Protein backbone atom coordinates (compact mmCIF):
# COMPACT_ATOMS: atom_id res chain seq x y z
CA MET A 1 41.58 365.05 -5.39
CA THR A 2 38.17 364.02 -4.60
CA SER A 3 37.17 363.81 -1.03
CA VAL A 4 34.67 361.29 0.05
CA ARG A 5 32.39 362.27 2.88
CA ASN A 6 31.07 359.54 5.11
CA ASN A 7 27.30 359.99 5.60
CA LEU A 8 27.37 358.47 9.01
CA MET A 9 24.38 359.13 11.35
CA PRO A 10 25.07 360.52 14.74
CA PRO A 11 25.78 357.80 17.29
CA GLY A 12 22.89 358.90 19.49
CA LEU A 13 20.36 358.49 16.65
CA VAL A 14 21.68 355.03 15.80
CA THR A 15 21.30 353.96 19.37
CA ASN A 16 17.70 355.17 19.44
CA LEU A 17 16.86 353.32 16.22
CA GLU A 18 18.39 350.11 17.53
CA GLU A 19 16.31 350.39 20.67
CA VAL A 20 13.13 350.95 18.65
CA LEU A 21 13.82 347.98 16.35
CA LEU A 22 14.64 345.76 19.30
CA SER A 23 11.47 346.85 21.06
CA LYS A 24 9.37 346.07 17.99
CA LYS A 25 11.02 342.66 17.65
CA LYS A 26 10.32 341.84 21.29
CA LYS A 27 6.70 342.99 20.91
CA LYS A 28 6.23 340.84 17.82
CA ASN A 29 7.73 337.81 19.55
CA LYS A 30 5.46 338.41 22.54
CA GLU A 31 2.37 338.60 20.32
CA ASN A 32 3.36 335.37 18.57
CA ASN A 33 3.86 333.66 21.89
CA GLU A 34 0.48 334.91 23.12
CA ASP A 35 -1.22 333.65 19.96
CA ASN A 36 0.40 330.26 20.40
CA ASN A 37 -0.61 330.14 24.04
CA GLU A 38 -4.14 331.20 23.19
CA ASN A 39 -4.45 328.52 20.52
CA SER A 40 -3.07 325.81 22.77
CA THR A 41 -5.33 326.98 25.61
CA LYS A 42 -8.35 326.94 23.29
CA GLU A 43 -7.48 323.45 22.08
CA SER A 44 -6.95 322.34 25.66
CA ASN A 45 -10.32 323.78 26.69
CA GLU A 46 -12.03 322.13 23.77
CA GLU A 47 -10.48 318.82 24.69
CA GLY A 48 -11.48 319.37 28.30
CA ASN A 49 -15.03 320.23 27.31
CA GLU A 50 -15.25 317.13 25.16
CA SER A 51 -13.99 314.96 27.98
CA ALA A 52 -16.33 316.71 30.45
CA GLU A 53 -19.42 315.88 28.43
CA PRO A 54 -21.51 313.26 30.22
CA SER A 55 -21.76 309.83 28.69
CA THR A 56 -25.52 310.40 28.59
CA SER A 57 -25.37 313.24 26.06
CA ASP A 58 -28.23 313.49 23.61
CA SER A 59 -26.00 312.32 20.74
CA ASP A 60 -24.69 309.21 22.50
CA SER A 61 -26.18 306.27 20.63
CA SER A 62 -23.86 303.56 21.90
CA LYS A 63 -26.26 302.49 24.67
CA PRO A 64 -30.01 301.85 24.74
CA VAL A 65 -32.04 304.94 25.60
CA VAL A 66 -34.26 304.64 28.66
CA LEU A 67 -36.87 307.32 29.39
CA VAL A 68 -38.02 307.69 33.00
CA THR A 69 -41.14 309.53 34.15
CA ASN A 70 -43.52 309.23 37.10
CA GLY A 71 -46.65 310.61 38.72
CA ASP A 72 -45.31 311.85 42.06
CA GLY A 73 -43.07 314.54 40.58
CA ILE A 74 -39.44 314.78 39.57
CA GLU A 75 -38.13 315.28 43.12
CA SER A 76 -39.79 312.15 44.51
CA PRO A 77 -37.34 309.63 46.02
CA GLY A 78 -38.71 306.74 43.96
CA LEU A 79 -37.72 308.38 40.69
CA VAL A 80 -34.42 309.78 41.96
CA TYR A 81 -33.21 306.45 43.38
CA LEU A 82 -34.25 304.61 40.23
CA VAL A 83 -32.47 307.05 37.91
CA GLU A 84 -29.32 307.04 40.04
CA ALA A 85 -29.24 303.23 39.98
CA LEU A 86 -29.69 303.09 36.19
CA VAL A 87 -26.92 305.65 35.70
CA ARG A 88 -24.63 303.90 38.16
CA ASP A 89 -24.94 300.59 36.31
CA GLY A 90 -23.72 302.36 33.18
CA LEU A 91 -25.71 300.18 30.82
CA TYR A 92 -28.13 302.76 29.47
CA ASN A 93 -28.42 306.29 28.19
CA VAL A 94 -30.83 307.63 30.82
CA HIS A 95 -33.21 310.53 30.13
CA VAL A 96 -35.85 311.93 32.45
CA CYS A 97 -39.00 313.87 31.62
CA ALA A 98 -41.28 314.10 34.66
CA PRO A 99 -43.90 316.41 36.20
CA GLN A 100 -42.52 319.23 38.33
CA SER A 101 -45.19 318.56 40.96
CA ASP A 102 -47.35 315.70 42.23
CA LYS A 103 -49.67 314.42 39.47
CA SER A 104 -50.13 310.94 40.90
CA MET A 105 -53.93 310.93 40.46
CA SER A 106 -54.10 312.78 37.14
CA GLY A 107 -55.13 309.70 35.16
CA HIS A 108 -54.65 309.92 31.39
CA SER A 109 -55.19 313.68 31.27
CA VAL A 110 -53.29 316.04 28.94
CA THR A 111 -52.78 319.79 28.86
CA LEU A 112 -54.54 321.51 25.95
CA GLN A 113 -54.66 325.18 24.95
CA GLU A 114 -52.17 326.08 27.65
CA THR A 115 -48.42 326.59 27.48
CA VAL A 116 -46.40 323.88 29.18
CA ALA A 117 -43.12 325.05 30.75
CA VAL A 118 -40.06 322.80 30.60
CA ASN A 119 -36.99 323.38 32.78
CA SER A 120 -33.76 321.43 33.00
CA ALA A 121 -33.32 319.50 36.25
CA GLU A 122 -30.33 318.13 38.14
CA ILE A 123 -30.13 314.36 38.49
CA ASN A 124 -26.53 313.17 38.43
CA GLY A 125 -25.60 311.40 35.22
CA ALA A 126 -28.94 311.83 33.44
CA ILE A 127 -30.38 314.41 31.08
CA ALA A 128 -33.46 315.53 32.97
CA TYR A 129 -36.35 317.95 32.45
CA GLU A 130 -39.27 318.88 34.66
CA VAL A 131 -42.57 319.71 32.98
CA SER A 132 -45.50 321.77 34.22
CA GLY A 133 -47.90 319.11 33.02
CA THR A 134 -49.14 315.58 33.58
CA PRO A 135 -47.25 312.29 33.17
CA VAL A 136 -48.96 311.83 29.80
CA ASP A 137 -47.76 315.29 28.75
CA CYS A 138 -44.22 314.31 29.75
CA VAL A 139 -44.17 311.06 27.79
CA SER A 140 -45.93 312.54 24.76
CA LEU A 141 -43.51 315.49 24.68
CA ALA A 142 -40.46 313.29 25.10
CA LEU A 143 -41.54 310.95 22.29
CA SER A 144 -42.48 313.81 19.94
CA GLY A 145 -38.89 314.64 19.01
CA ALA A 146 -39.37 318.25 20.11
CA LEU A 147 -37.44 317.91 23.37
CA PHE A 148 -34.85 315.19 22.76
CA SER A 149 -32.98 314.36 19.56
CA TRP A 150 -34.52 310.89 19.57
CA SER A 151 -38.21 310.03 19.39
CA LYS A 152 -38.26 306.36 20.39
CA PRO A 153 -36.34 305.03 23.39
CA ALA A 154 -35.84 301.33 24.01
CA LEU A 155 -38.04 301.45 27.11
CA VAL A 156 -40.20 303.89 29.07
CA ILE A 157 -40.25 303.39 32.84
CA SER A 158 -42.90 305.20 34.85
CA GLY A 159 -42.20 305.23 38.59
CA ILE A 160 -41.34 304.29 41.23
CA ASN A 161 -44.48 305.78 42.73
CA ARG A 162 -45.68 306.01 46.31
CA GLY A 163 -48.76 303.83 46.76
CA SER A 164 -50.15 300.89 44.81
CA SER A 165 -52.03 301.16 41.51
CA CYS A 166 -53.88 297.87 41.62
CA GLY A 167 -57.34 297.21 40.25
CA HIS A 168 -59.41 300.22 39.23
CA HIS A 169 -56.78 302.54 40.64
CA MET A 170 -55.03 302.07 37.31
CA PHE A 171 -57.65 304.35 35.75
CA TYR A 172 -56.87 307.16 38.21
CA SER A 173 -53.13 306.56 38.34
CA GLY A 174 -50.75 309.00 36.71
CA VAL A 175 -47.87 306.53 36.84
CA VAL A 176 -49.84 303.90 34.91
CA ALA A 177 -51.02 306.56 32.44
CA GLY A 178 -47.41 307.47 31.64
CA ALA A 179 -46.65 303.87 30.71
CA ARG A 180 -49.94 303.54 28.83
CA GLU A 181 -49.13 306.61 26.71
CA ALA A 182 -45.82 305.02 25.73
CA LEU A 183 -47.70 301.86 24.71
CA LEU A 184 -50.08 303.96 22.61
CA CYS A 185 -47.01 305.36 20.84
CA GLY A 186 -45.63 301.88 20.19
CA VAL A 187 -42.89 301.98 22.84
CA PRO A 188 -42.47 299.16 25.41
CA SER A 189 -43.15 300.35 28.94
CA LEU A 190 -43.24 299.48 32.62
CA SER A 191 -45.13 301.22 35.42
CA ILE A 192 -43.77 300.58 38.90
CA SER A 193 -45.34 301.36 42.29
CA LEU A 194 -44.43 300.67 45.92
CA ASN A 195 -47.23 299.59 48.24
CA TRP A 196 -46.59 302.46 50.65
CA LYS A 197 -48.18 302.17 54.09
CA LYS A 198 -48.62 305.19 56.32
CA ASP A 199 -46.72 304.99 59.63
CA GLU A 200 -44.96 301.87 58.38
CA SER A 201 -43.05 302.63 55.18
CA GLN A 202 -39.83 304.66 55.07
CA GLU A 203 -37.96 306.49 52.34
CA LYS A 204 -35.24 303.82 52.25
CA ASP A 205 -37.92 301.38 51.06
CA PHE A 206 -37.67 303.05 47.65
CA LYS A 207 -34.00 302.06 47.44
CA ASP A 208 -34.98 298.49 48.25
CA ALA A 209 -37.73 298.67 45.62
CA VAL A 210 -35.14 299.71 43.04
CA THR A 211 -33.03 296.68 43.97
CA VAL A 212 -36.06 294.44 43.44
CA CYS A 213 -37.14 295.80 40.07
CA LEU A 214 -33.72 296.26 38.40
CA PRO A 215 -33.52 292.59 37.26
CA LEU A 216 -36.91 293.00 35.57
CA ILE A 217 -35.81 296.22 33.87
CA ASN A 218 -32.56 294.66 32.65
CA ALA A 219 -34.40 291.59 31.36
CA ALA A 220 -36.94 293.80 29.57
CA ILE A 221 -34.31 295.87 27.75
CA ARG A 222 -32.29 292.76 26.89
CA ASP A 223 -35.30 291.10 25.28
CA ILE A 224 -36.52 294.31 23.64
CA GLU A 225 -33.23 294.36 21.74
CA LYS A 226 -33.72 290.69 20.89
CA GLY A 227 -37.29 291.35 19.75
CA THR A 228 -38.80 288.90 22.23
CA PHE A 229 -40.44 291.35 24.65
CA PRO A 230 -44.28 291.37 24.50
CA LYS A 231 -45.33 294.09 22.06
CA SER A 232 -49.05 294.28 22.75
CA CYS A 233 -49.09 295.21 26.42
CA SER A 234 -47.48 297.28 29.13
CA LEU A 235 -46.50 295.67 32.44
CA ASN A 236 -47.67 297.16 35.73
CA VAL A 237 -45.31 296.17 38.55
CA GLU A 238 -46.48 296.37 42.17
CA ILE A 239 -43.81 296.01 44.86
CA PRO A 240 -44.88 294.93 48.37
CA THR A 241 -44.47 297.12 51.44
CA ALA A 242 -41.31 295.29 52.57
CA PRO A 243 -39.51 294.98 49.20
CA LEU A 244 -36.51 292.88 50.24
CA THR A 245 -38.64 290.22 51.94
CA ASN A 246 -40.87 289.65 48.91
CA LYS A 247 -41.85 286.09 47.99
CA GLY A 248 -40.90 286.47 44.33
CA PHE A 249 -42.50 287.71 41.13
CA LYS A 250 -46.07 286.65 40.46
CA PHE A 251 -47.91 287.10 37.18
CA THR A 252 -51.37 288.43 38.09
CA LYS A 253 -54.69 289.58 36.67
CA GLN A 254 -56.14 293.04 37.03
CA SER A 255 -58.73 293.03 39.80
CA MET A 256 -61.86 295.09 40.36
CA TRP A 257 -60.32 296.45 43.57
CA ARG A 258 -60.69 300.12 44.35
CA SER A 259 -60.79 302.37 47.36
CA THR A 260 -63.98 304.15 48.32
CA LEU A 261 -64.13 307.73 47.07
CA CYS A 262 -65.14 309.77 50.10
CA TRP A 263 -66.18 313.40 49.67
CA GLN A 264 -66.29 315.57 52.77
CA ALA A 265 -67.64 319.09 53.04
CA VAL A 266 -65.26 321.59 54.62
CA SER A 267 -65.77 325.01 56.16
CA THR A 268 -65.74 327.76 53.55
CA SER A 269 -64.28 330.40 55.86
CA ARG A 270 -61.59 328.18 57.30
CA TYR A 271 -60.39 326.03 54.41
CA ALA A 272 -61.36 327.75 51.17
CA GLY A 273 -57.91 329.18 50.61
CA GLN A 274 -56.28 325.77 50.86
CA PHE A 275 -58.11 324.48 47.79
CA MET A 276 -57.02 327.34 45.59
CA SER A 277 -53.64 327.24 43.90
CA ASN A 278 -51.65 330.42 43.36
CA GLN A 279 -52.56 330.41 39.67
CA GLN A 280 -56.25 329.98 40.46
CA SER A 281 -56.12 332.77 43.04
CA LEU A 282 -54.35 335.10 40.61
CA GLY A 283 -56.83 334.16 37.89
CA LEU A 284 -59.78 335.05 40.11
CA GLN A 285 -58.20 338.38 41.04
CA LEU A 286 -57.56 339.24 37.38
CA ALA A 287 -61.11 338.20 36.49
CA GLN A 288 -62.49 340.47 39.21
CA LEU A 289 -60.37 343.40 38.00
CA SER A 290 -61.58 342.76 34.47
CA ARG A 291 -65.20 342.79 35.58
CA ASP A 292 -64.68 346.03 37.52
CA ALA A 293 -63.01 347.68 34.52
CA SER A 294 -65.80 346.52 32.23
CA ALA A 295 -68.41 347.93 34.56
CA ALA A 296 -66.64 351.28 34.76
CA GLY A 297 -66.17 351.46 31.01
CA ALA A 298 -69.72 350.41 30.29
CA ALA A 299 -71.22 353.02 32.57
CA ARG A 300 -72.69 355.74 30.44
CA ARG A 301 -73.32 359.35 31.25
CA LEU A 302 -76.66 360.46 29.97
CA SER A 303 -77.12 364.20 29.61
CA THR A 304 -80.61 365.24 30.43
CA GLN A 305 -82.52 368.40 29.65
CA LYS A 306 -81.94 369.60 33.17
CA LYS A 307 -78.67 371.46 33.59
CA ASN A 308 -76.09 370.20 36.03
CA LEU A 309 -77.88 366.85 36.32
CA VAL A 310 -75.96 363.76 35.37
CA GLU A 311 -77.41 360.26 35.56
CA ILE A 312 -75.25 357.12 35.73
CA GLU A 313 -76.53 353.97 34.06
CA SER A 314 -74.67 350.91 35.36
CA VAL A 315 -74.60 347.74 33.32
CA GLY A 316 -75.70 344.85 35.50
CA ALA A 317 -74.06 344.18 38.84
CA ALA A 318 -70.55 343.74 37.48
CA GLY A 319 -67.94 343.69 40.20
CA LYS A 320 -70.46 342.87 42.92
CA SER A 321 -70.87 339.51 44.61
CA ASP A 322 -74.03 337.60 43.89
CA THR A 323 -75.44 336.74 47.30
CA SER A 324 -77.99 334.39 45.75
CA ARG A 325 -75.28 331.97 44.58
CA VAL A 326 -74.17 329.21 46.90
CA LYS A 327 -70.49 328.23 47.03
CA LYS A 328 -69.30 325.11 48.81
CA PHE A 329 -65.98 323.34 49.22
CA PHE A 330 -65.31 319.61 49.36
CA ARG A 331 -62.28 317.41 49.83
CA LEU A 332 -61.86 314.00 48.19
CA GLU A 333 -60.14 311.18 50.04
CA PHE A 334 -59.56 307.56 49.15
CA VAL A 335 -60.62 305.24 51.94
CA GLU A 336 -59.48 301.63 51.79
CA LYS A 337 -62.14 299.00 52.21
CA GLU A 338 -62.00 295.30 52.90
CA GLN A 339 -61.79 293.22 49.74
CA GLN A 340 -63.89 290.07 49.60
CA ASP A 341 -62.39 288.49 46.47
CA SER A 342 -60.10 285.62 47.53
CA ASP A 343 -58.60 284.84 44.10
CA GLU A 344 -54.87 284.53 44.79
CA ASP A 345 -54.00 285.50 41.21
CA LEU A 346 -55.47 289.00 41.44
CA ASP A 347 -53.01 291.88 41.64
CA PHE A 348 -54.00 293.29 45.04
CA ARG A 349 -54.22 289.85 46.64
CA ALA A 350 -50.75 288.81 45.44
CA LEU A 351 -49.39 292.15 46.65
CA ASP A 352 -50.95 291.72 50.10
CA ASN A 353 -49.47 288.23 50.24
CA GLY A 354 -45.95 289.62 49.75
CA PHE A 355 -45.41 288.96 46.03
CA VAL A 356 -44.18 291.39 43.41
CA ALA A 357 -47.33 291.51 41.28
CA ILE A 358 -46.85 291.89 37.51
CA THR A 359 -50.03 292.66 35.58
CA PRO A 360 -50.22 293.09 31.78
CA LEU A 361 -52.24 296.06 30.52
CA SER A 362 -53.34 295.75 26.91
CA LEU A 363 -55.04 298.16 24.51
CA HIS A 364 -57.52 295.68 23.11
CA SER A 365 -61.05 296.99 22.88
CA ARG A 366 -63.95 295.10 24.37
CA THR A 367 -65.69 295.30 20.99
CA GLN A 368 -63.09 292.98 19.43
CA THR A 369 -62.85 289.27 19.89
CA GLU A 370 -61.18 290.30 23.12
CA THR A 371 -61.20 286.86 24.66
CA GLU A 372 -58.75 285.71 22.01
CA ALA A 373 -56.70 288.90 21.68
CA GLU A 374 -56.39 289.55 25.40
CA ALA A 375 -55.75 285.92 26.21
CA GLU A 376 -52.99 285.84 23.61
CA ALA A 377 -51.41 289.02 25.00
CA GLU A 378 -51.59 287.77 28.57
CA ALA A 379 -50.14 284.41 27.62
CA ALA A 380 -47.22 286.09 25.82
CA ALA A 381 -46.58 288.37 28.81
CA ALA A 382 -46.80 285.50 31.27
CA GLU A 383 -44.38 283.41 29.24
CA TRP A 384 -41.93 286.31 29.01
CA VAL A 385 -42.06 287.02 32.76
CA PHE A 386 -41.44 283.38 33.58
CA THR A 387 -38.61 282.78 31.10
CA ALA A 388 -36.90 286.17 31.54
CA LEU A 389 -36.73 286.07 35.31
CA ALA A 390 -36.06 282.34 35.45
CA GLU A 391 -32.64 283.06 33.94
CA ASP A 392 -31.71 284.79 37.21
CA PRO A 393 -31.30 282.07 39.86
CA GLN A 394 -31.83 284.61 42.66
CA GLN A 395 -35.31 285.44 41.41
CA SER A 396 -38.32 283.24 42.07
CA THR A 397 -41.24 283.49 39.71
CA THR A 398 -44.81 282.32 40.05
CA THR A 399 -47.11 282.40 37.02
CA GLU A 400 -49.96 280.12 37.85
CA SER A 401 -53.36 281.32 36.77
């Protein structure tokens, strides 16, 4: 008789194995659940990030691109109110590239052989950068394709700046230079200024100025897309001191008006430090240290035949002030003077009379048959101003010449 022996494991060992297997199963299920949760969380975050992206992202091509710059600096109320209004309307993809500090009288200057710093800036709803350069630097950089993914916006708006840019002030003006640079690059442009008066104007006047110029901006972009906007000139827009009580838009001619440039000598001991920026001050200190080091290194010890005698030969007077040189400090101020020209169609005269003055600025050289070319450009601009704004019944337009 054969006996069969049951190879049964001890009950205690079986129980332990069951517990181990159950533990592993639970752990595996937990890991699977965590993976699923992680994937769903990742997908949810990605969807949230996509929905959180502003409508003004660099890749958004559904709306016309508008580039805004100015001369007063990126924190100036004129630029901020204008950008906020353009974003609020939701019609455009708004980008900003503006000086980080006041460059309102920089003219058409550029920064060469120096590094220009660019930092992102916060203006709700717009992609904005501040640049350690001039308005022309800002526009040139923005249109180069190096900063933004695009290189040609529908329109460049320079402003709204504090103080008028009529007459010969256009040559000094940074806000006009920003628009002129866009024109040089083949991009339609507007420069906008508010006729700011000391002790009379208030910051809220910039909001009113935005209200006044928005119809012109909208008309410009509308006709740029149609191909009917003047291509050979930029428009300089001057808004009167009391924007909301203006008498309408008036097409004007550039005048010979300018303020008197008044230079005044100031005390060297009292005011010298005020005319020196931090970078200039640091540069002078470094230059002085360099001169001192050069003098020390250039000093030579000459051994002579006499023992224990050392002579020092110093090279020049490096590191020492030259008392024979005269240093003076001056301050430049613009002083307004009475204008004798009574032509009502000049920019400054129309502005003083309460009109929004619109002046075309062309690139035609005086060596060309400029009477024909300029007259043609002005006629095209005048016709556009009249027809574009005439479509808005709330806007009155005057274009007599």
